[in-house]
Amino acid sequence: MKRILILGAGRSSAALLKYFLNYSGSENIFLEVADQNTDRMQGVFPATENLKYSELDASSKKARRAKIAETDLVISMLPASFHPKIAKDCLAIGKNLVTASYVSKEMKSLHKEAQEKGLIFMNECGVDPGIDHMSALKTLNHLKDKGAEITSFESFTGGLLAPESDNNPWNYKFTWNPRNVVLAGQGGAVKFIQEGRYKFIPYHQLFRRTEYINIDGYGRFEGYANRDSLWYREIYGLDDVPTIYRGTLRRPGFCRAWDVFVKLGATDDDYVLEDSENMTYREFINTFLAYNETDSVELKLMAYLKIDQDSEVMDKLKWLGIFENTKIGLKKATPAQILEHILKQKWTMDPEDKDMIVMWHRFSYRLNERNYEIHSSMGCIGENEIFTAMAKTVGIPVAIMSRLILEDQISARGVMIPDQEEVYSACLKELEEHGIKFSEKEVEPSFY
């Protein structure tokens, strides 16, 4: 019997557990879910002879290693900051590891040692990063095999509300870690290359530099640049490509309104606000605005950011309740923590809500002295607040990768992402069985 240790019982673990409990070889797999609180998951999947829950303080090295020593493979669904520590535990004990998170510099530094020990540390196998890599590489490699010259590659992903649950002016609710949403785009300039020219977008400009995208069957979106697109040139074999751009999707109007919080400084996580516990939402916003004896908070905000009183931006801000005298009640909180707290009151999914994952790629290429363009898209609608589209598109590929490792179907070793054909082909094929499928169409080439 193979033993799998799942560290973390958060939002995406439901689909992961469901996969293994329904897997045809489930009788030969023992699952243990370890976290500080597993009550929510136990309410969905009660413990059985093949499924165990246990309490774990993941910050305790001794406790982690005791659990890891008892298993064959570790799946970390914990925040990304834990992954290098868990990877070092796995190195010391000799266990394989799977995560859905980006490969950090610290994780990458473990590659040689993991390779020497014959271990697999598979990362970036969720939805984005993950399914985006696999689906892009499948098409890119197919085009290259035909002799095509790739001239442009763009990729966008969005975690949003399904149309039937889209009932607020922001067209958005939290479908994954709220903290990550609030801090999105921070940590350095976003980088990409367009028509052979390097482009950099600083954080304070990120949400005003957007482009509109229409996706068949799902409607119109706006996209903003995501992280360092240049890093993917080598992974995708596009070292000489003139344009490569990765971005995040939101419904039109979201980015302009979110930019208000960025410009105010309300997404800053580097300092604590004095007496935040007794501050109100209205006072929180006023903290970032100049003193004026007569003007209201609303007037000062509109004047500072040049927002019209009857604009959609003001409608969105008022709907959130940020001008109300509601007490915050958080001790020693950063601006980002306070903003997250306020947003949770309105952006938390209701039990009947459904979310949606949308992914879109644009491939431009030359073949036989002609220009071509392909659009590839995928949409996934969630079932409810437990089995969300986000949980499905993160949890299922993580589960598939874990099964491939347990069945010794991956030949490479070390710290890796699913960029090998043997890996992404097998995963994409199985994802189609779960309704996660891409459709491609050829369109008239775009010109920049």
Protein backbone atom coordinates (compact mmCIF):
# COMPACT_ATOMS: atom_id res chain seq x y z
CA MET A 1 0.00 0.00 0.00
CA LYS A 2 1.28 3.45 -0.97
CA ARG A 3 1.00 6.20 1.64
CA ILE A 4 0.38 9.84 0.69
CA LEU A 5 0.72 12.70 3.17
CA ILE A 6 -1.30 15.78 2.24
CA LEU A 7 -0.10 18.81 4.17
CA GLY A 8 -2.90 21.38 4.25
CA ALA A 9 -6.68 21.05 4.24
CA GLY A 10 -7.47 24.28 2.42
CA ARG A 11 -9.69 25.21 -0.49
CA SER A 12 -8.02 23.08 -3.18
CA SER A 13 -7.65 19.91 -1.13
CA ALA A 14 -11.26 18.80 -1.71
CA ALA A 15 -10.76 17.96 -5.39
CA LEU A 16 -7.42 16.33 -4.60
CA LEU A 17 -9.00 14.04 -2.01
CA LYS A 18 -11.96 13.27 -4.25
CA TYR A 19 -9.61 12.19 -7.04
CA PHE A 20 -7.79 9.64 -4.89
CA LEU A 21 -10.92 8.36 -3.14
CA ASN A 22 -12.51 7.70 -6.55
CA TYR A 23 -9.31 6.40 -8.15
CA SER A 24 -9.57 2.82 -9.38
CA GLY A 25 -6.54 1.85 -7.33
CA SER A 26 -7.74 3.65 -4.20
CA GLU A 27 -7.77 0.44 -2.16
CA ASN A 28 -3.96 0.43 -2.47
CA ILE A 29 -3.52 4.03 -1.31
CA PHE A 30 -3.60 5.36 2.23
CA LEU A 31 -4.18 9.10 2.62
CA GLU A 32 -3.34 11.25 5.62
CA VAL A 33 -4.42 14.89 5.74
CA ALA A 34 -2.50 16.97 8.27
CA ASP A 35 -3.24 20.57 9.19
CA GLN A 36 -4.01 22.75 12.19
CA ASN A 37 -7.71 22.45 11.43
CA THR A 38 -9.24 19.70 9.29
CA ASP A 39 -12.87 20.06 10.43
CA ARG A 40 -14.12 21.48 7.14
CA MET A 41 -12.57 18.68 5.10
CA GLN A 42 -13.78 16.00 7.51
CA GLY A 43 -17.29 17.32 7.01
CA VAL A 44 -16.95 16.54 3.29
CA PHE A 45 -14.91 13.33 3.47
CA PRO A 46 -15.25 11.47 6.79
CA ALA A 47 -12.29 9.39 7.90
CA THR A 48 -12.16 5.78 6.66
CA GLU A 49 -9.70 2.91 6.92
CA ASN A 50 -7.85 4.49 3.96
CA LEU A 51 -8.22 8.14 5.03
CA LYS A 52 -6.89 9.64 8.24
CA TYR A 53 -6.87 13.20 9.59
CA SER A 54 -4.33 14.53 12.05
CA GLU A 55 -3.47 17.84 13.69
CA LEU A 56 -0.14 19.36 12.65
CA ASP A 57 1.69 22.58 13.37
CA ALA A 58 3.53 22.93 10.07
CA SER A 59 5.99 25.40 11.60
CA SER A 60 7.38 22.60 13.80
CA LYS A 61 10.29 20.89 12.05
CA LYS A 62 10.13 17.92 14.43
CA ALA A 63 6.39 17.42 13.86
CA ARG A 64 6.73 17.72 10.08
CA ARG A 65 9.54 15.22 9.86
CA ALA A 66 7.74 12.70 12.04
CA LYS A 67 4.80 12.76 9.61
CA ILE A 68 6.96 12.73 6.47
CA ALA A 69 8.95 9.73 7.70
CA GLU A 70 5.77 7.63 7.69
CA THR A 71 4.78 8.30 4.08
CA ASP A 72 5.88 7.51 0.51
CA LEU A 73 5.02 10.87 -1.05
CA VAL A 74 4.29 14.35 0.30
CA ILE A 75 1.80 16.74 -1.28
CA SER A 76 2.08 20.24 0.12
CA MET A 77 -1.06 22.35 -0.17
CA LEU A 78 0.31 24.77 2.43
CA PRO A 79 1.31 28.39 1.65
CA ALA A 80 4.34 28.59 -0.63
CA SER A 81 6.60 29.89 2.15
CA PHE A 82 6.51 26.40 3.73
CA HIS A 83 7.64 24.53 0.62
CA PRO A 84 11.42 24.98 0.87
CA LYS A 85 11.32 23.80 4.50
CA ILE A 86 9.24 20.77 3.56
CA ALA A 87 11.54 20.08 0.61
CA LYS A 88 14.55 20.04 2.94
CA ASP A 89 12.67 17.62 5.19
CA CYS A 90 12.01 15.40 2.18
CA LEU A 91 15.67 15.54 1.20
CA ALA A 92 16.76 14.52 4.68
CA ILE A 93 14.29 11.62 4.86
CA GLY A 94 14.27 10.64 1.17
CA LYS A 95 10.69 11.33 0.06
CA ASN A 96 9.19 12.71 -3.16
CA LEU A 97 7.30 16.01 -3.06
CA VAL A 98 4.54 17.66 -5.12
CA THR A 99 3.39 21.29 -4.87
CA ALA A 100 1.27 23.59 -7.01
CA SER A 101 3.42 26.66 -6.33
CA TYR A 102 6.05 28.53 -8.33
CA VAL A 103 9.62 27.28 -8.03
CA SER A 104 11.35 29.72 -5.69
CA LYS A 105 15.11 30.36 -5.78
CA GLU A 106 15.44 28.43 -2.54
CA MET A 107 13.55 25.46 -3.97
CA LYS A 108 15.57 25.56 -7.19
CA SER A 109 18.83 25.46 -5.19
CA LEU A 110 17.88 21.95 -4.01
CA HIS A 111 17.83 20.51 -7.53
CA LYS A 112 21.27 18.90 -7.60
CA GLU A 113 20.89 17.24 -4.21
CA ALA A 114 17.39 15.95 -5.02
CA GLN A 115 18.66 14.61 -8.35
CA GLU A 116 21.59 12.85 -6.69
CA LYS A 117 19.21 11.20 -4.22
CA GLY A 118 16.87 10.11 -7.02
CA LEU A 119 13.98 12.24 -5.74
CA ILE A 120 11.28 14.13 -7.62
CA PHE A 121 10.24 17.56 -6.35
CA MET A 122 7.44 18.43 -8.80
CA ASN A 123 6.21 22.04 -8.65
CA GLU A 124 3.96 24.35 -10.64
CA CYS A 125 1.37 21.68 -11.39
CA GLY A 126 -1.82 23.48 -10.40
CA VAL A 127 -3.77 25.67 -12.79
CA ASP A 128 -1.53 28.75 -13.12
CA PRO A 129 1.22 27.78 -12.86
CA GLY A 130 0.59 24.28 -14.12
CA ILE A 131 -2.14 23.67 -16.67
CA ASP A 132 -0.97 26.83 -18.43
CA HIS A 133 2.52 25.33 -18.89
CA MET A 134 1.26 21.98 -20.06
CA SER A 135 -1.32 23.26 -22.55
CA ALA A 136 1.07 25.87 -23.96
CA LEU A 137 3.92 23.42 -24.40
CA LYS A 138 1.67 20.91 -26.15
CA THR A 139 0.73 23.45 -28.85
CA LEU A 140 4.15 25.13 -29.06
CA ASN A 141 5.97 21.84 -29.53
CA HIS A 142 3.42 20.70 -32.13
CA LEU A 143 3.96 23.91 -34.12
CA LYS A 144 7.75 23.60 -33.88
CA ASP A 145 7.57 20.00 -35.08
CA LYS A 146 5.83 21.33 -38.22
CA GLY A 147 8.70 23.74 -38.77
CA ALA A 148 6.87 26.87 -37.58
CA GLU A 149 8.67 29.93 -36.26
CA ILE A 150 6.91 31.21 -33.12
CA THR A 151 6.66 35.01 -33.27
CA SER A 152 4.41 35.67 -30.28
CA PHE A 153 3.00 33.85 -27.28
CA GLU A 154 0.50 35.31 -24.81
CA SER A 155 -1.22 33.51 -21.95
CA PHE A 156 -3.91 34.69 -19.53
CA THR A 157 -5.72 32.98 -16.65
CA GLY A 158 -8.50 34.18 -14.38
CA GLY A 159 -10.24 32.81 -11.32
CA LEU A 160 -13.66 34.47 -11.39
CA LEU A 161 -17.34 34.02 -10.67
CA ALA A 162 -19.43 31.86 -12.98
CA PRO A 163 -21.96 33.97 -14.91
CA GLU A 164 -24.90 32.58 -12.91
CA SER A 165 -23.27 33.69 -9.64
CA ASP A 166 -21.95 37.03 -10.87
CA ASN A 167 -24.10 39.28 -8.68
CA ASN A 168 -21.95 42.20 -7.55
CA PRO A 169 -20.53 45.30 -9.28
CA TRP A 170 -16.95 44.04 -9.04
CA ASN A 171 -17.90 40.80 -10.84
CA TYR A 172 -15.59 39.10 -8.38
CA LYS A 173 -15.36 37.08 -5.16
CA PHE A 174 -12.49 35.24 -3.50
CA THR A 175 -12.06 31.81 -5.05
CA TRP A 176 -8.55 31.26 -3.65
CA ASN A 177 -6.30 32.69 -0.94
CA PRO A 178 -7.58 36.24 -0.27
CA ARG A 179 -4.18 37.41 0.91
CA ASN A 180 -2.62 36.49 -2.43
CA VAL A 181 -5.31 38.51 -4.23
CA VAL A 182 -4.63 41.60 -2.12
CA LEU A 183 -0.87 41.35 -2.62
CA ALA A 184 -1.01 40.44 -6.34
CA GLY A 185 1.55 42.25 -8.45
CA GLN A 186 3.86 43.23 -5.62
CA GLY A 187 7.48 42.16 -5.27
CA GLY A 188 9.17 43.98 -8.14
CA ALA A 189 8.46 45.20 -11.65
CA VAL A 190 6.47 42.95 -13.97
CA LYS A 191 8.56 42.02 -17.01
CA PHE A 192 7.75 40.91 -20.54
CA ILE A 193 8.96 41.41 -24.11
CA GLN A 194 6.86 42.88 -26.93
CA GLU A 195 7.99 43.07 -30.54
CA GLY A 196 11.58 42.57 -29.44
CA ARG A 197 11.50 45.33 -26.83
CA TYR A 198 11.75 44.69 -23.12
CA LYS A 199 8.88 46.13 -21.09
CA PHE A 200 8.69 46.72 -17.34
CA ILE A 201 5.59 47.76 -15.41
CA PRO A 202 6.07 49.02 -11.84
CA TYR A 203 3.41 48.03 -9.31
CA HIS A 204 1.83 51.49 -9.13
CA GLN A 205 1.05 51.34 -12.86
CA LEU A 206 0.16 47.65 -13.18
CA PHE A 207 -3.63 47.91 -12.96
CA ARG A 208 -3.87 50.73 -15.49
CA ARG A 209 -1.92 48.86 -18.16
CA THR A 210 -4.55 46.39 -19.32
CA GLU A 211 -5.82 44.89 -22.55
CA TYR A 212 -9.22 43.54 -23.52
CA ILE A 213 -9.75 39.93 -24.56
CA ASN A 214 -12.86 38.20 -25.90
CA ILE A 215 -13.11 34.48 -25.20
CA ASP A 216 -15.69 32.40 -27.06
CA GLY A 217 -18.44 31.21 -24.74
CA TYR A 218 -17.25 33.22 -21.76
CA GLY A 219 -17.40 36.87 -22.80
CA ARG A 220 -15.14 39.88 -22.46
CA PHE A 221 -12.27 40.27 -20.01
CA GLU A 222 -9.44 42.61 -19.21
CA GLY A 223 -5.95 41.30 -18.60
CA TYR A 224 -3.01 42.71 -16.69
CA ALA A 225 0.60 41.50 -16.76
CA ASN A 226 1.66 38.80 -14.30
CA ARG A 227 5.12 38.37 -12.75
CA ASP A 228 8.21 37.83 -14.92
CA SER A 229 7.19 36.54 -18.35
CA LEU A 230 10.83 36.53 -19.47
CA TRP A 231 11.62 33.62 -17.18
CA TYR A 232 9.41 31.37 -19.34
CA ARG A 233 11.32 31.90 -22.57
CA GLU A 234 13.81 29.17 -21.69
CA ILE A 235 11.16 26.79 -20.28
CA TYR A 236 9.01 27.12 -23.40
CA GLY A 237 11.98 27.07 -25.78
CA LEU A 238 11.23 30.63 -26.92
CA ASP A 239 14.59 32.31 -26.31
CA ASP A 240 14.35 34.35 -29.53
CA VAL A 241 10.60 35.03 -29.57
CA PRO A 242 9.81 38.74 -30.17
CA THR A 243 6.75 38.75 -27.86
CA ILE A 244 5.97 36.79 -24.72
CA TYR A 245 3.41 37.97 -22.19
CA ARG A 246 1.66 36.27 -19.29
CA GLY A 247 -1.28 37.87 -17.55
CA THR A 248 -4.26 37.62 -15.22
CA LEU A 249 -7.91 37.99 -16.27
CA ARG A 250 -10.63 40.04 -14.59
CA ARG A 251 -13.97 41.32 -15.83
CA PRO A 252 -13.83 44.82 -17.40
CA GLY A 253 -13.74 47.63 -14.84
CA PHE A 254 -12.16 45.62 -12.02
CA CYS A 255 -8.60 46.82 -12.56
CA ARG A 256 -9.45 50.52 -12.68
CA ALA A 257 -11.31 50.24 -9.36
CA TRP A 258 -8.62 48.07 -7.74
CA ASP A 259 -6.05 50.68 -8.77
CA VAL A 260 -7.66 53.02 -6.22
CA PHE A 261 -6.39 50.81 -3.38
CA VAL A 262 -2.95 50.56 -4.98
CA LYS A 263 -2.66 54.34 -5.38
CA LEU A 264 -3.86 54.94 -1.82
CA GLY A 265 -1.34 52.48 -0.36
CA ALA A 266 -4.08 50.27 1.08
CA THR A 267 -2.38 47.10 -0.25
CA ASP A 268 0.89 47.79 1.61
CA ASP A 269 1.94 44.98 3.91
CA ASP A 270 5.20 46.43 5.23
CA TYR A 271 4.04 48.38 8.28
CA VAL A 272 1.39 48.31 11.01
CA LEU A 273 -1.25 51.00 11.47
CA GLU A 274 -1.45 52.44 14.96
CA ASP A 275 -4.65 51.66 16.89
CA SER A 276 -6.03 49.65 13.95
CA GLU A 277 -8.29 47.74 16.33
CA ASN A 278 -10.42 50.82 17.08
CA MET A 279 -10.29 52.27 13.58
CA THR A 280 -13.37 52.24 11.30
CA TYR A 281 -13.44 51.45 7.59
CA ARG A 282 -13.97 55.16 6.89
CA GLU A 283 -11.04 56.17 9.10
CA PHE A 284 -8.87 53.57 7.39
CA ILE A 285 -9.45 55.17 3.98
CA ASN A 286 -9.06 58.66 5.46
CA THR A 287 -5.64 57.66 6.85
CA PHE A 288 -4.21 57.80 3.32
CA LEU A 289 -5.79 61.15 2.38
CA ALA A 290 -4.66 64.71 3.09
CA TYR A 291 -6.23 66.62 5.97
CA ASN A 292 -9.07 68.96 5.06
CA GLU A 293 -11.26 70.68 7.60
CA THR A 294 -14.43 70.67 5.51
CA ASP A 295 -14.24 68.06 2.72
CA SER A 296 -15.61 64.56 3.28
CA VAL A 297 -13.57 61.39 2.81
CA GLU A 298 -15.43 60.73 -0.44
CA LEU A 299 -14.66 64.20 -1.84
CA LYS A 300 -10.99 63.99 -0.90
CA LEU A 301 -10.68 60.56 -2.51
CA MET A 302 -12.36 61.71 -5.73
CA ALA A 303 -10.20 64.84 -5.92
CA TYR A 304 -6.96 62.99 -5.20
CA LEU A 305 -7.53 60.21 -7.74
CA LYS A 306 -9.60 62.23 -10.22
CA ILE A 307 -12.67 60.01 -9.95
CA ASP A 308 -16.09 61.26 -11.03
CA GLN A 309 -18.84 61.08 -8.41
CA ASP A 310 -21.18 59.16 -10.73
CA SER A 311 -18.51 56.79 -12.04
CA GLU A 312 -18.60 52.99 -11.89
CA VAL A 313 -15.45 53.14 -9.77
CA MET A 314 -17.27 55.05 -7.03
CA ASP A 315 -20.20 52.65 -7.29
CA LYS A 316 -17.84 49.74 -6.69
CA LEU A 317 -16.12 51.42 -3.73
CA LYS A 318 -19.39 52.39 -2.05
CA TRP A 319 -20.76 48.86 -2.50
CA LEU A 320 -17.77 47.50 -0.56
CA GLY A 321 -18.72 49.72 2.38
CA ILE A 322 -15.30 51.35 2.72
CA PHE A 323 -16.87 54.70 3.64
CA GLU A 324 -18.95 53.25 6.47
CA ASN A 325 -18.25 53.68 10.20
CA THR A 326 -17.86 49.94 10.74
CA LYS A 327 -15.22 49.05 13.32
CA ILE A 328 -12.26 47.04 11.95
CA GLY A 329 -11.38 45.18 15.15
CA LEU A 330 -7.93 43.92 14.05
CA LYS A 331 -4.99 44.52 16.39
CA LYS A 332 -1.69 45.74 14.97
CA ALA A 333 -2.78 45.18 11.38
CA THR A 334 -1.06 46.22 8.17
CA PRO A 335 -3.03 48.12 5.50
CA ALA A 336 -3.16 44.94 3.39
CA GLN A 337 -4.55 42.91 6.31
CA ILE A 338 -7.24 45.52 6.96
CA LEU A 339 -8.20 45.68 3.27
CA GLU A 340 -8.41 41.88 3.14
CA HIS A 341 -10.68 41.93 6.21
CA ILE A 342 -13.00 44.49 4.60
CA LEU A 343 -13.13 42.61 1.29
CA LYS A 344 -13.95 39.30 2.97
CA GLN A 345 -17.24 40.76 4.19
CA LYS A 346 -18.44 41.18 0.59
CA TRP A 347 -16.24 38.88 -1.52
CA THR A 348 -16.70 35.60 0.34
CA MET A 349 -18.54 33.01 -1.74
CA ASP A 350 -22.02 31.99 -0.61
CA PRO A 351 -22.82 28.25 -0.35
CA GLU A 352 -24.73 28.25 -3.64
CA ASP A 353 -22.15 30.29 -5.56
CA LYS A 354 -20.18 28.82 -8.43
CA ASP A 355 -16.78 30.01 -9.56
CA MET A 356 -15.09 29.83 -12.95
CA ILE A 357 -11.56 29.35 -14.25
CA VAL A 358 -10.84 30.76 -17.70
CA MET A 359 -7.54 30.32 -19.54
CA TRP A 360 -6.62 31.74 -22.93
CA HIS A 361 -3.49 31.42 -25.09
CA ARG A 362 -2.60 33.25 -28.29
CA PHE A 363 0.05 31.68 -30.54
CA SER A 364 1.37 33.66 -33.52
CA TYR A 365 3.75 31.95 -35.94
CA ARG A 366 5.20 31.91 -39.45
CA LEU A 367 5.13 28.83 -41.65
CA ASN A 368 5.96 28.64 -45.37
CA GLU A 369 6.32 32.45 -45.51
CA ARG A 370 2.82 33.04 -44.14
CA ASN A 371 1.62 34.41 -40.80
CA TYR A 372 -0.83 32.41 -38.69
CA GLU A 373 -2.53 32.80 -35.33
CA ILE A 374 -4.19 30.26 -33.03
CA HIS A 375 -6.38 30.98 -30.01
CA SER A 376 -6.66 28.23 -27.41
CA SER A 377 -9.11 28.49 -24.51
CA MET A 378 -10.36 26.49 -21.54
CA GLY A 379 -13.22 27.18 -19.17
CA CYS A 380 -14.20 25.30 -16.03
CA ILE A 381 -17.28 25.99 -13.89
CA GLY A 382 -17.34 24.97 -10.23
CA GLU A 383 -20.08 22.92 -8.56
CA ASN A 384 -20.38 24.85 -5.28
CA GLU A 385 -18.24 26.56 -2.63
CA ILE A 386 -16.46 23.27 -1.80
CA PHE A 387 -15.88 21.70 -5.21
CA THR A 388 -14.92 24.92 -6.93
CA ALA A 389 -13.39 25.28 -10.37
CA MET A 390 -10.27 26.56 -8.61
CA ALA A 391 -10.12 23.45 -6.41
CA LYS A 392 -10.66 21.23 -9.44
CA THR A 393 -8.04 22.84 -11.68
CA VAL A 394 -5.47 22.93 -8.87
CA GLY A 395 -6.24 19.70 -7.02
CA ILE A 396 -6.71 17.32 -9.94
CA PRO A 397 -3.42 18.00 -11.77
CA VAL A 398 -1.59 17.83 -8.43
CA ALA A 399 -3.24 14.45 -7.84
CA ILE A 400 -2.38 13.20 -11.33
CA MET A 401 1.28 14.21 -10.91
CA SER A 402 1.39 12.44 -7.55
CA ARG A 403 -0.05 9.26 -9.05
CA LEU A 404 2.45 9.35 -11.93
CA ILE A 405 5.29 9.61 -9.42
CA LEU A 406 3.94 6.77 -7.27
CA GLU A 407 3.61 4.60 -10.38
CA ASP A 408 7.16 5.51 -11.45
CA GLN A 409 6.00 6.99 -14.76
CA ILE A 410 8.30 10.03 -14.58
CA SER A 411 11.89 9.38 -15.61
CA ALA A 412 13.51 12.73 -14.69
CA ARG A 413 14.69 13.53 -11.16
CA GLY A 414 15.32 16.69 -9.16
CA VAL A 415 13.39 19.95 -8.78
CA MET A 416 11.14 20.29 -11.81
CA ILE A 417 7.92 21.54 -13.33
CA PRO A 418 5.69 19.58 -15.78
CA ASP A 419 7.55 20.66 -18.92
CA GLN A 420 8.55 17.17 -20.09
CA GLU A 421 6.38 15.74 -22.87
CA GLU A 422 5.88 12.40 -21.11
CA VAL A 423 4.50 14.29 -18.12
CA TYR A 424 2.30 16.97 -19.65
CA SER A 425 0.86 14.66 -22.32
CA ALA A 426 -0.29 12.14 -19.72
CA CYS A 427 -1.69 14.82 -17.46
CA LEU A 428 -3.57 16.73 -20.17
CA LYS A 429 -5.11 13.51 -21.47
CA GLU A 430 -6.45 12.62 -18.05
CA LEU A 431 -7.62 16.18 -17.35
CA GLU A 432 -9.90 15.89 -20.38
CA GLU A 433 -11.65 12.99 -18.65
CA HIS A 434 -12.47 15.44 -15.85
CA GLY A 435 -13.88 18.05 -18.24
CA ILE A 436 -10.78 20.26 -18.30
CA LYS A 437 -10.26 20.55 -22.02
CA PHE A 438 -8.89 23.14 -24.44
CA SER A 439 -10.43 24.18 -27.72
CA GLU A 440 -8.34 25.72 -30.47
CA LYS A 441 -9.26 27.85 -33.46
CA GLU A 442 -7.27 29.55 -36.19
CA VAL A 443 -7.96 33.28 -36.61
CA GLU A 444 -6.73 36.13 -38.80
CA PRO A 445 -3.27 37.18 -37.57
CA SER A 446 -3.14 40.22 -35.28
CA PHE A 447 -0.76 43.11 -35.83
CA TYR A 448 0.85 45.12 -33.09
